[in-house]
Structure formats: C-alpha cells, structure tokens
Amino acid sequence: MIKNLLDKLFGKKEIRREGREFGVTGEIAINGTHYKIDNWSSSGFAVSDYEGPLIRGDHVDVEFQLQLEEGVIEFDCKSIIVRVDETRRILAGVFVEMDLDTRVIIANYFDS
C-alpha cells in the first residue's frame, strides 16, 4: 500500500514538487544518528553522507534542527523515506506528521 502511494506521489525519479533550499546549516537525527542536511523544503528533506538500512517507504521519527540568520528552527516529526541513493549517499524523506505550530513556522519561512 505504501509503495503504491509513493509511486503515485513520487513516481518519476527526481521530480521536484516545490523549491528547495540548498547550502543550509543544520542536521537531522534519524533513529539516533545525526546527518547533515543537504537540502530541504516545506514538505521534506535530503541528507548527505547516508549509509544505513532504510529503504523507500520506511516510516521514521525525525529530529530536525536548522540554523538560520534569524535563529533556529527545531522540531520533531514523522517522515516517510521517499528516496535512497546509495551511490550518491543521499537519503530523502517527506514530513508526514508534525504539529500545526511547526507547519505554520515552516510555511511562513518559505513564504517570506
């Protein structure tokens, strides 16, 4: 079921639904392991230097921390892994469960 949903939502490789922000300073902890953020958008993230057991469709808990000029964005949420590129060592996921206040903060950040 999850694979069918992912295929419908993200079926074509490298399709971008919205703009991403690159060159950010921050990290994401997934299952207690910290990874450098490669890029992020209001709907998800990609981390670099990933080596691990996660596969497309896995549900994970994420601790997100991003340094900004204005301060820090920090939140915990659930994500679904949408891409694992073993060659480039990239892992990407979408945010699927987070509190409303966090959604508003992220939306305001990308709308400004």
PDB file of N, CA and C in Angstrom:
ATOM      1  N   MET A   1       0.815  -1.193   0.000  1.00  0.00           N
ATOM      2  CA  MET A   1       0.000   0.000   0.000  1.00  0.00           C
ATOM      3  C   MET A   1       0.864   1.265   0.000  1.00  0.00           C
ATOM      4  N   ILE A   2       1.863   1.300   0.890  1.00  0.00           N
ATOM      5  CA  ILE A   2       2.740   2.474   0.950  1.00  0.00           C
ATOM      6  C   ILE A   2       3.475   2.653  -0.370  1.00  0.00           C
ATOM      7  N   LYS A   3       3.987   1.561  -0.947  1.00  0.00           N
ATOM      8  CA  LYS A   3       4.700   1.659  -2.220  1.00  0.00           C
ATOM      9  C   LYS A   3       3.804   2.249  -3.293  1.00  0.00           C
ATOM     10  N   ASN A   4       2.529   1.815  -3.350  1.00  0.00           N
ATOM     11  CA  ASN A   4       1.605   2.368  -4.345  1.00  0.00           C
ATOM     12  C   ASN A   4       1.393   3.855  -4.126  1.00  0.00           C
ATOM     13  N   LEU A   5       1.255   4.259  -2.871  1.00  0.00           N
ATOM     14  CA  LEU A   5       1.082   5.674  -2.562  1.00  0.00           C
ATOM     15  C   LEU A   5       2.319   6.463  -2.985  1.00  0.00           C
ATOM     16  N   LEU A   6       3.508   5.948  -2.650  1.00  0.00           N
ATOM     17  CA  LEU A   6       4.741   6.637  -3.036  1.00  0.00           C
ATOM     18  C   LEU A   6       4.883   6.719  -4.546  1.00  0.00           C
ATOM     19  N   ASP A   7       4.540   5.640  -5.239  1.00  0.00           N
ATOM     20  CA  ASP A   7       4.631   5.657  -6.701  1.00  0.00           C
ATOM     21  C   ASP A   7       3.695   6.699  -7.293  1.00  0.00           C
ATOM     22  N   LYS A   8       2.496   6.826  -6.737  1.00  0.00           N
ATOM     23  CA  LYS A   8       1.550   7.827  -7.245  1.00  0.00           C
ATOM     24  C   LYS A   8       2.027   9.241  -6.948  1.00  0.00           C
ATOM     25  N   LEU A   9       2.588   9.433  -5.734  1.00  0.00           N
ATOM     26  CA  LEU A   9       3.034  10.770  -5.345  1.00  0.00           C
ATOM     27  C   LEU A   9       4.383  11.146  -5.953  1.00  0.00           C
ATOM     28  N   PHE A  10       5.314  10.182  -6.010  1.00  0.00           N
ATOM     29  CA  PHE A  10       6.686  10.479  -6.391  1.00  0.00           C
ATOM     30  C   PHE A  10       7.196   9.512  -7.450  1.00  0.00           C
ATOM     31  N   GLY A  11       6.308   9.078  -8.338  1.00  0.00           N
ATOM     32  CA  GLY A  11       6.621   8.013  -9.285  1.00  0.00           C
ATOM     33  C   GLY A  11       7.811   8.263 -10.170  1.00  0.00           C
ATOM     34  N   LYS A  12       7.975   9.436 -10.678  1.00  0.00           N
ATOM     35  CA  LYS A  12       9.096   9.715 -11.565  1.00  0.00           C
ATOM     36  C   LYS A  12      10.284  10.189 -10.751  1.00  0.00           C
ATOM     37  N   LYS A  13      11.435   9.603 -11.053  1.00  0.00           N
ATOM     38  CA  LYS A  13      12.640   9.958 -10.328  1.00  0.00           C
ATOM     39  C   LYS A  13      12.986  11.435 -10.534  1.00  0.00           C
ATOM     40  N   GLU A  14      13.414  12.068  -9.446  1.00  0.00           N
ATOM     41  CA  GLU A  14      13.900  13.443  -9.462  1.00  0.00           C
ATOM     42  C   GLU A  14      12.826  14.489  -9.766  1.00  0.00           C
ATOM     43  N   ILE A  15      11.566  14.192  -9.593  1.00  0.00           N
ATOM     44  CA  ILE A  15      10.529  15.211  -9.766  1.00  0.00           C
ATOM     45  C   ILE A  15      10.512  16.100  -8.533  1.00  0.00           C
ATOM     46  N   ARG A  16      10.572  17.385  -8.730  1.00  0.00           N
ATOM     47  CA  ARG A  16      10.541  18.338  -7.630  1.00  0.00           C
ATOM     48  C   ARG A  16       9.171  19.004  -7.599  1.00  0.00           C
ATOM     49  N   ARG A  17       8.503  18.891  -6.476  1.00  0.00           N
ATOM     50  CA  ARG A  17       7.175  19.468  -6.313  1.00  0.00           C
ATOM     51  C   ARG A  17       7.239  20.951  -5.936  1.00  0.00           C
ATOM     52  N   GLU A  18       8.342  21.370  -5.349  1.00  0.00           N
ATOM     53  CA  GLU A  18       8.483  22.754  -4.907  1.00  0.00           C
ATOM     54  C   GLU A  18       9.955  23.095  -4.796  1.00  0.00           C
ATOM     55  N   GLY A  19      10.217  24.377  -4.594  1.00  0.00           N
ATOM     56  CA  GLY A  19      11.602  24.817  -4.484  1.00  0.00           C
ATOM     57  C   GLY A  19      12.279  24.275  -3.245  1.00  0.00           C
ATOM     58  N   ARG A  20      13.559  24.026  -3.355  1.00  0.00           N
ATOM     59  CA  ARG A  20      14.348  23.532  -2.230  1.00  0.00           C
ATOM     60  C   ARG A  20      15.392  24.563  -1.863  1.00  0.00           C
ATOM     61  N   GLU A  21      15.807  24.500  -0.632  1.00  0.00           N
ATOM     62  CA  GLU A  21      16.843  25.398  -0.152  1.00  0.00           C
ATOM     63  C   GLU A  21      18.115  24.578   0.082  1.00  0.00           C
ATOM     64  N   PHE A  22      19.180  24.957  -0.612  1.00  0.00           N
ATOM     65  CA  PHE A  22      20.466  24.281  -0.501  1.00  0.00           C
ATOM     66  C   PHE A  22      21.422  25.140   0.314  1.00  0.00           C
ATOM     67  N   GLY A  23      22.524  24.558   0.721  1.00  0.00           N
ATOM     68  CA  GLY A  23      23.560  25.316   1.420  1.00  0.00           C
ATOM     69  C   GLY A  23      23.161  25.746   2.817  1.00  0.00           C
ATOM     70  N   VAL A  24      22.319  24.984   3.465  1.00  0.00           N
ATOM     71  CA  VAL A  24      21.871  25.324   4.811  1.00  0.00           C
ATOM     72  C   VAL A  24      22.772  24.666   5.848  1.00  0.00           C
ATOM     73  N   THR A  25      22.724  25.191   7.056  1.00  0.00           N
ATOM     74  CA  THR A  25      23.477  24.623   8.161  1.00  0.00           C
ATOM     75  C   THR A  25      22.492  23.980   9.123  1.00  0.00           C
ATOM     76  N   GLY A  26      22.589  22.695   9.240  1.00  0.00           N
ATOM     77  CA  GLY A  26      21.700  22.001  10.154  1.00  0.00           C
ATOM     78  C   GLY A  26      21.887  20.509  10.072  1.00  0.00           C
ATOM     79  N   GLU A  27      21.132  19.815  10.914  1.00  0.00           N
ATOM     80  CA  GLU A  27      21.220  18.373  10.923  1.00  0.00           C
ATOM     81  C   GLU A  27      19.871  17.753  11.251  1.00  0.00           C
ATOM     82  N   ILE A  28      19.770  16.490  10.902  1.00  0.00           N
ATOM     83  CA  ILE A  28      18.583  15.701  11.178  1.00  0.00           C
ATOM     84  C   ILE A  28      19.040  14.439  11.889  1.00  0.00           C
ATOM     85  N   ALA A  29      18.370  14.108  12.971  1.00  0.00           N
ATOM     86  CA  ALA A  29      18.641  12.845  13.657  1.00  0.00           C
ATOM     87  C   ALA A  29      17.548  11.861  13.265  1.00  0.00           C
ATOM     88  N   ILE A  30      17.959  10.716  12.758  1.00  0.00           N
ATOM     89  CA  ILE A  30      17.042   9.638  12.386  1.00  0.00           C
ATOM     90  C   ILE A  30      17.481   8.409  13.162  1.00  0.00           C
ATOM     91  N   ASN A  31      16.588   7.913  13.987  1.00  0.00           N
ATOM     92  CA  ASN A  31      16.904   6.746  14.826  1.00  0.00           C
ATOM     93  C   ASN A  31      18.193   6.952  15.624  1.00  0.00           C
ATOM     94  N   GLY A  32      18.405   8.177  16.112  1.00  0.00           N
ATOM     95  CA  GLY A  32      19.557   8.472  16.956  1.00  0.00           C
ATOM     96  C   GLY A  32      20.848   8.795  16.229  1.00  0.00           C
ATOM     97  N   THR A  33      20.864   8.675  14.906  1.00  0.00           N
ATOM     98  CA  THR A  33      22.056   9.001  14.130  1.00  0.00           C
ATOM     99  C   THR A  33      21.856  10.358  13.463  1.00  0.00           C
ATOM    100  N   HIS A  34      22.873  11.212  13.553  1.00  0.00           N
ATOM    101  CA  HIS A  34      22.782  12.572  13.030  1.00  0.00           C
ATOM    102  C   HIS A  34      23.392  12.656  11.628  1.00  0.00           C
ATOM    103  N   TYR A  35      22.682  13.377  10.744  1.00  0.00           N
ATOM    104  CA  TYR A  35      23.120  13.562   9.370  1.00  0.00           C
ATOM    105  C   TYR A  35      23.059  15.044   9.021  1.00  0.00           C
ATOM    106  N   LYS A  36      23.975  15.481   8.169  1.00  0.00           N
ATOM    107  CA  LYS A  36      23.988  16.859   7.682  1.00  0.00           C
ATOM    108  C   LYS A  36      22.864  17.038   6.664  1.00  0.00           C
ATOM    109  N   ILE A  37      22.142  18.152   6.789  1.00  0.00           N
ATOM    110  CA  ILE A  37      21.089  18.458   5.826  1.00  0.00           C
ATOM    111  C   ILE A  37      21.728  18.878   4.509  1.00  0.00           C
ATOM    112  N   ASP A  38      21.354  18.211   3.432  1.00  0.00           N
ATOM    113  CA  ASP A  38      21.809  18.579   2.098  1.00  0.00           C
ATOM    114  C   ASP A  38      20.912  19.683   1.543  1.00  0.00           C
ATOM    115  N   ASN A  39      19.589  19.484   1.671  1.00  0.00           N
ATOM    116  CA  ASN A  39      18.620  20.490   1.257  1.00  0.00           C
ATOM    117  C   ASN A  39      17.297  20.196   1.931  1.00  0.00           C
ATOM    118  N   TRP A  40      16.394  21.187   1.884  1.00  0.00           N
ATOM    119  CA  TRP A  40      15.088  20.977   2.482  1.00  0.00           C
ATOM    120  C   TRP A  40      14.063  21.879   1.816  1.00  0.00           C
ATOM    121  N   SER A  41      12.807  21.549   2.012  1.00  0.00           N
ATOM    122  CA  SER A  41      11.685  22.353   1.527  1.00  0.00           C
ATOM    123  C   SER A  41      10.604  22.292   2.598  1.00  0.00           C
ATOM    124  N   SER A  42       9.486  22.921   2.342  1.00  0.00           N
ATOM    125  CA  SER A  42       8.414  22.900   3.340  1.00  0.00           C
ATOM    126  C   SER A  42       7.807  21.514   3.496  1.00  0.00           C
ATOM    127  N   SER A  43       8.073  20.622   2.555  1.00  0.00           N
ATOM    128  CA  SER A  43       7.468  19.294   2.646  1.00  0.00           C
ATOM    129  C   SER A  43       8.454  18.167   2.940  1.00  0.00           C
ATOM    130  N   GLY A  44       9.765  18.449   2.931  1.00  0.00           N
ATOM    131  CA  GLY A  44      10.688  17.349   3.168  1.00  0.00           C
ATOM    132  C   GLY A  44      12.144  17.770   3.208  1.00  0.00           C
ATOM    133  N   PHE A  45      13.011  16.774   3.116  1.00  0.00           N
ATOM    134  CA  PHE A  45      14.436  16.995   3.317  1.00  0.00           C
ATOM    135  C   PHE A  45      15.252  15.968   2.538  1.00  0.00           C
ATOM    136  N   ALA A  46      16.524  16.267   2.407  1.00  0.00           N
ATOM    137  CA  ALA A  46      17.518  15.298   1.938  1.00  0.00           C
ATOM    138  C   ALA A  46      18.744  15.458   2.819  1.00  0.00           C
ATOM    139  N   VAL A  47      19.366  14.332   3.167  1.00  0.00           N
ATOM    140  CA  VAL A  47      20.590  14.365   3.949  1.00  0.00           C
ATOM    141  C   VAL A  47      21.715  13.777   3.121  1.00  0.00           C
ATOM    142  N   SER A  48      22.932  14.200   3.428  1.00  0.00           N
ATOM    143  CA  SER A  48      24.098  13.699   2.721  1.00  0.00           C
ATOM    144  C   SER A  48      24.866  12.726   3.605  1.00  0.00           C
ATOM    145  N   ASP A  49      25.773  11.985   2.986  1.00  0.00           N
ATOM    146  CA  ASP A  49      26.623  11.015   3.673  1.00  0.00           C
ATOM    147  C   ASP A  49      25.810   9.934   4.384  1.00  0.00           C
ATOM    148  N   TYR A  50      24.706   9.525   3.765  1.00  0.00           N
ATOM    149  CA  TYR A  50      23.863   8.489   4.380  1.00  0.00           C
ATOM    150  C   TYR A  50      24.355   7.094   4.028  1.00  0.00           C
ATOM    151  N   GLU A  51      24.521   6.287   5.031  1.00  0.00           N
ATOM    152  CA  GLU A  51      24.757   4.855   4.863  1.00  0.00           C
ATOM    153  C   GLU A  51      23.919   4.185   5.940  1.00  0.00           C
ATOM    154  N   GLY A  52      23.012   3.324   5.536  1.00  0.00           N
ATOM    155  CA  GLY A  52      22.198   2.664   6.538  1.00  0.00           C
ATOM    156  C   GLY A  52      21.159   1.755   5.932  1.00  0.00           C
ATOM    157  N   PRO A  53      20.309   1.221   6.782  1.00  0.00           N
ATOM    158  CA  PRO A  53      19.371   0.198   6.353  1.00  0.00           C
ATOM    159  C   PRO A  53      18.032   0.712   5.818  1.00  0.00           C
ATOM    160  N   LEU A  54      17.780   2.006   5.888  1.00  0.00           N
ATOM    161  CA  LEU A  54      16.457   2.499   5.497  1.00  0.00           C
ATOM    162  C   LEU A  54      16.214   2.303   4.005  1.00  0.00           C
ATOM    163  N   ILE A  55      14.957   2.040   3.671  1.00  0.00           N
ATOM    164  CA  ILE A  55      14.545   1.894   2.278  1.00  0.00           C
ATOM    165  C   ILE A  55      13.332   2.764   2.025  1.00  0.00           C
ATOM    166  N   ARG A  56      13.047   2.986   0.775  1.00  0.00           N
ATOM    167  CA  ARG A  56      11.881   3.764   0.353  1.00  0.00           C
ATOM    168  C   ARG A  56      10.625   3.173   0.982  1.00  0.00           C
ATOM    169  N   GLY A  57       9.821   4.047   1.593  1.00  0.00           N
ATOM    170  CA  GLY A  57       8.588   3.621   2.230  1.00  0.00           C
ATOM    171  C   GLY A  57       8.685   3.469   3.731  1.00  0.00           C
ATOM    172  N   ASP A  58       9.904   3.451   4.284  1.00  0.00           N
ATOM    173  CA  ASP A  58      10.055   3.343   5.732  1.00  0.00           C
ATOM    174  C   ASP A  58       9.508   4.584   6.425  1.00  0.00           C
ATOM    175  N   HIS A  59       8.879   4.374   7.574  1.00  0.00           N
ATOM    176  CA  HIS A  59       8.410   5.460   8.430  1.00  0.00           C
ATOM    177  C   HIS A  59       9.441   5.649   9.530  1.00  0.00           C
ATOM    178  N   VAL A  60       9.867   6.885   9.758  1.00  0.00           N
ATOM    179  CA  VAL A  60      10.902   7.168  10.752  1.00  0.00           C
ATOM    180  C   VAL A  60      10.522   8.388  11.579  1.00  0.00           C
ATOM    181  N   ASP A  61      11.056   8.441  12.797  1.00  0.00           N
ATOM    182  CA  ASP A  61      10.956   9.639  13.618  1.00  0.00           C
ATOM    183  C   ASP A  61      12.167  10.500  13.311  1.00  0.00           C
ATOM    184  N   VAL A  62      11.933  11.796  13.157  1.00  0.00           N
ATOM    185  CA  VAL A  62      12.987  12.732  12.766  1.00  0.00           C
ATOM    186  C   VAL A  62      13.076  13.858  13.788  1.00  0.00           C
ATOM    187  N   GLU A  63      14.306  14.192  14.158  1.00  0.00           N
ATOM    188  CA  GLU A  63      14.580  15.387  14.948  1.00  0.00           C
ATOM    189  C   GLU A  63      15.305  16.351  14.014  1.00  0.00           C
ATOM    190  N   PHE A  64      14.699  17.489  13.728  1.00  0.00           N
ATOM    191  CA  PHE A  64      15.180  18.429  12.715  1.00  0.00           C
ATOM    192  C   PHE A  64      15.703  19.675  13.408  1.00  0.00           C
ATOM    193  N   GLN A  65      16.896  20.138  13.017  1.00  0.00           N
ATOM    194  CA  GLN A  65      17.449  21.374  13.550  1.00  0.00           C
ATOM    195  C   GLN A  65      18.147  22.128  12.424  1.00  0.00           C
ATOM    196  N   LEU A  66      17.733  23.366  12.212  1.00  0.00           N
ATOM    197  CA  LEU A  66      18.287  24.185  11.139  1.00  0.00           C
ATOM    198  C   LEU A  66      18.689  25.540  11.690  1.00  0.00           C
ATOM    199  N   GLN A  67      19.938  25.944  11.432  1.00  0.00           N
ATOM    200  CA  GLN A  67      20.445  27.251  11.854  1.00  0.00           C
ATOM    201  C   GLN A  67      20.082  28.285  10.790  1.00  0.00           C
ATOM    202  N   LEU A  68      19.470  29.376  11.204  1.00  0.00           N
ATOM    203  CA  LEU A  68      19.117  30.481  10.312  1.00  0.00           C
ATOM    204  C   LEU A  68      19.701  31.775  10.864  1.00  0.00           C
ATOM    205  N   GLU A  69      19.771  32.800  10.015  1.00  0.00           N
ATOM    206  CA  GLU A  69      20.222  34.103  10.495  1.00  0.00           C
ATOM    207  C   GLU A  69      19.315  34.608  11.602  1.00  0.00           C
ATOM    208  N   GLU A  70      18.010  34.308  11.478  1.00  0.00           N
ATOM    209  CA  GLU A  70      17.012  34.795  12.432  1.00  0.00           C
ATOM    210  C   GLU A  70      16.945  33.944  13.693  1.00  0.00           C
ATOM    211  N   GLY A  71      17.597  32.810  13.711  1.00  0.00           N
ATOM    212  CA  GLY A  71      17.513  31.918  14.860  1.00  0.00           C
ATOM    213  C   GLY A  71      17.577  30.472  14.409  1.00  0.00           C
ATOM    214  N   VAL A  72      16.902  29.619  15.138  1.00  0.00           N
ATOM    215  CA  VAL A  72      16.948  28.183  14.882  1.00  0.00           C
ATOM    216  C   VAL A  72      15.523  27.662  14.684  1.00  0.00           C
ATOM    217  N   ILE A  73      15.354  26.783  13.700  1.00  0.00           N
ATOM    218  CA  ILE A  73      14.110  26.033  13.550  1.00  0.00           C
ATOM    219  C   ILE A  73      14.400  24.628  14.056  1.00  0.00           C
ATOM    220  N   GLU A  74      13.663  24.214  15.072  1.00  0.00           N
ATOM    221  CA  GLU A  74      13.814  22.871  15.622  1.00  0.00           C
ATOM    222  C   GLU A  74      12.442  22.241  15.766  1.00  0.00           C
ATOM    223  N   PHE A  75      12.323  20.986  15.367  1.00  0.00           N
ATOM    224  CA  PHE A  75      11.082  20.265  15.582  1.00  0.00           C
ATOM    225  C   PHE A  75      11.300  18.771  15.440  1.00  0.00           C
ATOM    226  N   ASP A  76      10.391  18.021  16.006  1.00  0.00           N
ATOM    227  CA  ASP A  76      10.352  16.569  15.859  1.00  0.00           C
ATOM    228  C   ASP A  76       9.122  16.238  15.032  1.00  0.00           C
ATOM    229  N   CYS A  77       9.232  15.237  14.165  1.00  0.00           N
ATOM    230  CA  CYS A  77       8.082  14.829  13.362  1.00  0.00           C
ATOM    231  C   CYS A  77       8.289  13.410  12.853  1.00  0.00           C
ATOM    232  N   LYS A  78       7.298  12.914  12.176  1.00  0.00           N
ATOM    233  CA  LYS A  78       7.401  11.626  11.495  1.00  0.00           C
ATOM    234  C   LYS A  78       7.605  11.906  10.013  1.00  0.00           C
ATOM    235  N   SER A  79       8.352  11.029   9.365  1.00  0.00           N
ATOM    236  CA  SER A  79       8.634  11.168   7.931  1.00  0.00           C
ATOM    237  C   SER A  79       8.514   9.815   7.251  1.00  0.00           C
ATOM    238  N   ILE A  80       8.298   9.878   5.951  1.00  0.00           N
ATOM    239  CA  ILE A  80       8.356   8.684   5.109  1.00  0.00           C
ATOM    240  C   ILE A  80       9.551   8.855   4.180  1.00  0.00           C
ATOM    241  N   ILE A  81      10.382   7.842   4.110  1.00  0.00           N
ATOM    242  CA  ILE A  81      11.552   7.873   3.223  1.00  0.00           C
ATOM    243  C   ILE A  81      11.057   7.705   1.786  1.00  0.00           C
ATOM    244  N   VAL A  82      11.445   8.629   0.905  1.00  0.00           N
ATOM    245  CA  VAL A  82      10.997   8.584  -0.490  1.00  0.00           C
ATOM    246  C   VAL A  82      12.122   8.272  -1.473  1.00  0.00           C
ATOM    247  N   ARG A  83      13.372   8.390  -1.008  1.00  0.00           N
ATOM    248  CA  ARG A  83      14.477   8.085  -1.920  1.00  0.00           C
ATOM    249  C   ARG A  83      15.723   7.728  -1.119  1.00  0.00           C
ATOM    250  N   VAL A  84      16.407   6.679  -1.560  1.00  0.00           N
ATOM    251  CA  VAL A  84      17.719   6.316  -1.022  1.00  0.00           C
ATOM    252  C   VAL A  84      18.627   6.104  -2.226  1.00  0.00           C
ATOM    253  N   ASP A  85      19.645   6.942  -2.337  1.00  0.00           N
ATOM    254  CA  ASP A  85      20.604   6.845  -3.430  1.00  0.00           C
ATOM    255  C   ASP A  85      21.927   6.372  -2.831  1.00  0.00           C
ATOM    256  N   GLU A  86      22.186   5.081  -2.939  1.00  0.00           N
ATOM    257  CA  GLU A  86      23.390   4.513  -2.329  1.00  0.00           C
ATOM    258  C   GLU A  86      24.665   5.013  -2.985  1.00  0.00           C
ATOM    259  N   THR A  87      24.614   5.297  -4.282  1.00  0.00           N
ATOM    260  CA  THR A  87      25.803   5.777  -4.990  1.00  0.00           C
ATOM    261  C   THR A  87      26.197   7.171  -4.514  1.00  0.00           C
ATOM    262  N   ARG A  88      25.218   8.053  -4.435  1.00  0.00           N
ATOM    263  CA  ARG A  88      25.486   9.434  -4.010  1.00  0.00           C
ATOM    264  C   ARG A  88      25.387   9.616  -2.495  1.00  0.00           C
ATOM    265  N   ARG A  89      24.967   8.546  -1.792  1.00  0.00           N
ATOM    266  CA  ARG A  89      24.826   8.555  -0.333  1.00  0.00           C
ATOM    267  C   ARG A  89      23.862   9.635   0.133  1.00  0.00           C
ATOM    268  N   ILE A  90      22.712   9.695  -0.560  1.00  0.00           N
ATOM    269  CA  ILE A  90      21.662  10.660  -0.231  1.00  0.00           C
ATOM    270  C   ILE A  90      20.427   9.906   0.239  1.00  0.00           C
ATOM    271  N   LEU A  91      19.781  10.428   1.274  1.00  0.00           N
ATOM    272  CA  LEU A  91      18.517   9.903   1.765  1.00  0.00           C
ATOM    273  C   LEU A  91      17.531  11.059   1.776  1.00  0.00           C
ATOM    274  N   ALA A  92      16.324  10.856   1.240  1.00  0.00           N
ATOM    275  CA  ALA A  92      15.317  11.918   1.213  1.00  0.00           C
ATOM    276  C   ALA A  92      14.028  11.420   1.840  1.00  0.00           C
ATOM    277  N   GLY A  93      13.342  12.327   2.511  1.00  0.00           N
ATOM    278  CA  GLY A  93      12.076  11.984   3.138  1.00  0.00           C
ATOM    279  C   GLY A  93      11.104  13.141   3.083  1.00  0.00           C
ATOM    280  N   VAL A  94       9.844  12.820   3.304  1.00  0.00           N
ATOM    281  CA  VAL A  94       8.802  13.845   3.375  1.00  0.00           C
ATOM    282  C   VAL A  94       8.274  13.894   4.805  1.00  0.00           C
ATOM    283  N   PHE A  95       7.900  15.094   5.226  1.00  0.00           N
ATOM    284  CA  PHE A  95       7.287  15.268   6.534  1.00  0.00           C
ATOM    285  C   PHE A  95       5.836  14.811   6.437  1.00  0.00           C
ATOM    286  N   VAL A  96       5.403  13.900   7.295  1.00  0.00           N
ATOM    287  CA  VAL A  96       4.017  13.431   7.235  1.00  0.00           C
ATOM    288  C   VAL A  96       3.226  13.721   8.493  1.00  0.00           C
ATOM    289  N   GLU A  97       3.876  13.864   9.613  1.00  0.00           N
ATOM    290  CA  GLU A  97       3.177  14.189  10.850  1.00  0.00           C
ATOM    291  C   GLU A  97       3.993  15.197  11.632  1.00  0.00           C
ATOM    292  N   MET A  98       3.410  16.383  11.849  1.00  0.00           N
ATOM    293  CA  MET A  98       4.040  17.387  12.693  1.00  0.00           C
ATOM    294  C   MET A  98       2.944  18.271  13.250  1.00  0.00           C
ATOM    295  N   ASP A  99       3.260  18.962  14.319  1.00  0.00           N
ATOM    296  CA  ASP A  99       2.216  19.774  14.934  1.00  0.00           C
ATOM    297  C   ASP A  99       1.931  21.012  14.089  1.00  0.00           C
ATOM    298  N   LEU A 100       0.762  21.561  14.278  1.00  0.00           N
ATOM    299  CA  LEU A 100       0.287  22.688  13.472  1.00  0.00           C
ATOM    300  C   LEU A 100       1.191  23.908  13.615  1.00  0.00           C
ATOM    301  N   ASP A 101       1.666  24.193  14.816  1.00  0.00           N
ATOM    302  CA  ASP A 101       2.540  25.354  15.011  1.00  0.00           C
ATOM    303  C   ASP A 101       3.808  25.251  14.166  1.00  0.00           C
ATOM    304  N   THR A 102       4.366  24.046  14.088  1.00  0.00           N
ATOM    305  CA  THR A 102       5.564  23.838  13.268  1.00  0.00           C
ATOM    306  C   THR A 102       5.243  24.040  11.800  1.00  0.00           C
ATOM    307  N   ARG A 103       4.111  23.509  11.327  1.00  0.00           N
ATOM    308  CA  ARG A 103       3.692  23.719   9.928  1.00  0.00           C
ATOM    309  C   ARG A 103       3.598  25.202   9.608  1.00  0.00           C
ATOM    310  N   VAL A 104       3.038  25.984  10.523  1.00  0.00           N
ATOM    311  CA  VAL A 104       2.882  27.430  10.305  1.00  0.00           C
ATOM    312  C   VAL A 104       4.248  28.107  10.241  1.00  0.00           C
ATOM    313  N   ILE A 105       5.155  27.745  11.125  1.00  0.00           N
ATOM    314  CA  ILE A 105       6.505  28.337  11.125  1.00  0.00           C
ATOM    315  C   ILE A 105       7.198  28.052   9.795  1.00  0.00           C
ATOM    316  N   ILE A 106       7.120  26.800   9.340  1.00  0.00           N
ATOM    317  CA  ILE A 106       7.771  26.430   8.073  1.00  0.00           C
ATOM    318  C   ILE A 106       7.111  27.147   6.888  1.00  0.00           C
ATOM    319  N   ALA A 107       5.793  27.207   6.857  1.00  0.00           N
ATOM    320  CA  ALA A 107       5.088  27.889   5.774  1.00  0.00           C
ATOM    321  C   ALA A 107       5.462  29.367   5.736  1.00  0.00           C
ATOM    322  N   ASN A 108       5.515  30.010   6.899  1.00  0.00           N
ATOM    323  CA  ASN A 108       5.893  31.422   6.963  1.00  0.00           C
ATOM    324  C   ASN A 108       7.326  31.620   6.492  1.00  0.00           C
ATOM    325  N   TYR A 109       8.212  30.702   6.832  1.00  0.00           N
ATOM    326  CA  TYR A 109       9.612  30.822   6.416  1.00  0.00           C
ATOM    327  C   TYR A 109       9.716  30.791   4.890  1.00  0.00           C
ATOM    328  N   PHE A 110       9.028  29.845   4.239  1.00  0.00           N
ATOM    329  CA  PHE A 110       9.125  29.721   2.792  1.00  0.00           C
ATOM    330  C   PHE A 110       8.290  30.763   2.045  1.00  0.00           C
ATOM    331  N   ASP A 111       7.315  31.364   2.710  1.00  0.00           N
ATOM    332  CA  ASP A 111       6.518  32.407   2.066  1.00  0.00           C
ATOM    333  C   ASP A 111       7.177  33.772   2.137  1.00  0.00           C
ATOM    334  N   SER A 112       8.179  33.917   3.030  1.00  0.00           N
ATOM    335  CA  SER A 112       8.799  35.250   3.186  1.00  0.00           C
ATOM    336  C   SER A 112       9.852  35.508   2.133  1.00  0.00           C
TER     337      SER A 112
END
